[in-house]
Amino acid sequence: MSRRPAFRLLLLALPLLLIAPVALAPAQAFKASDVEKFKADNRCEKCDLRRANFKQTVHDGAKLSKVKARDVDFKGASLIGADFQDAELRRADFEKAIMSNANLKSADLVAADMEKANLTGADLSRADARDADLDNANLMGAVMIRMELGQSDLKRANLHNAVLTKSKMVGINLERAILVNSNLEGADLTRGDLDRADLTRSNLKGAKLKRAKLKRANFSQANLMNVDFEDAVLKLAIFSGANLAGAQNLEQEALDTACGDKNTILPDGLKIKACQP
């Protein structure tokens, strides 16, 4: 019997045998010395805290800029005014953490868990939070300029007075979110879910709402000038006192499913029925 087929099988299997030990190796964890330094000094810039556990701890004012902290656990921790600028925080757990006035500028927050976190007044400008969980998070007054929020979950989040200008929010879930007085000028909300969201007095000038779900959303007194409504669902949306001058791809058929009032400003040739008390 020829051994050539068996030899060929061995050659094919060899790369897999070499890769297997790497694949089975545990994910790289934190440096123990860095963890001790952080606990002692409440600062550890550029340190390695990957997968470290700081659950329910108090680290207000912590200095952690440029820290490597993938999969770190800060669940329920107090991080008021903490500095996480340029930090690597993918898949980090900040559920119910208190992070008011924290600096998260340009942080990597992809797939991070920030459910019910308190981020009032926090600065997340240019942070990347794609696929992040911010369900029920408190982001009142947060600065989120040019933030990446694609496919993230902000259902029921409080974004009252938040600034999200030019943020990329494609596929975001903002169902029942509070966006009163928020600034979304130039934001891209394509395919976003804003069903029942409250955008009263919000500024969406030049924003993209292509194929967005806006069922029962409240746009009372909102600035919607030059917004792109291509294929957006407007069923039962409220536009009382809203300014839709220059709105693009706004069809009469879609407007017929929404309502407004005598103060609603529409592009020429369009009309809207009055909302019922």
Foldseek 3Di string as FASTA:
>chain_A
DDCVVVVVVCVVCVVVVVCVVVVPDDDDAFDPVQVVCCVVPLEREQGEHALPEPDLEERAQRHHDQYEYEQYEHDNYEHAQHEHDQYEYEQYEDDQYEHDQHEQDQYEHDQHEHDQYEHDQYEHANYEHEQYEHDQYEHDLYEHEQYEHELYEHDQYEHDQYEHELHEHDQYEHDQYEQDQYEHDNYEHDQYEHANYEHDQYEHACYEQAQYEHHQYEDALYEQDQYEHHNYQCAQYEHELYEHHNYHNDDQVRQARYAYDPNYHHYPPHDHHHDDD
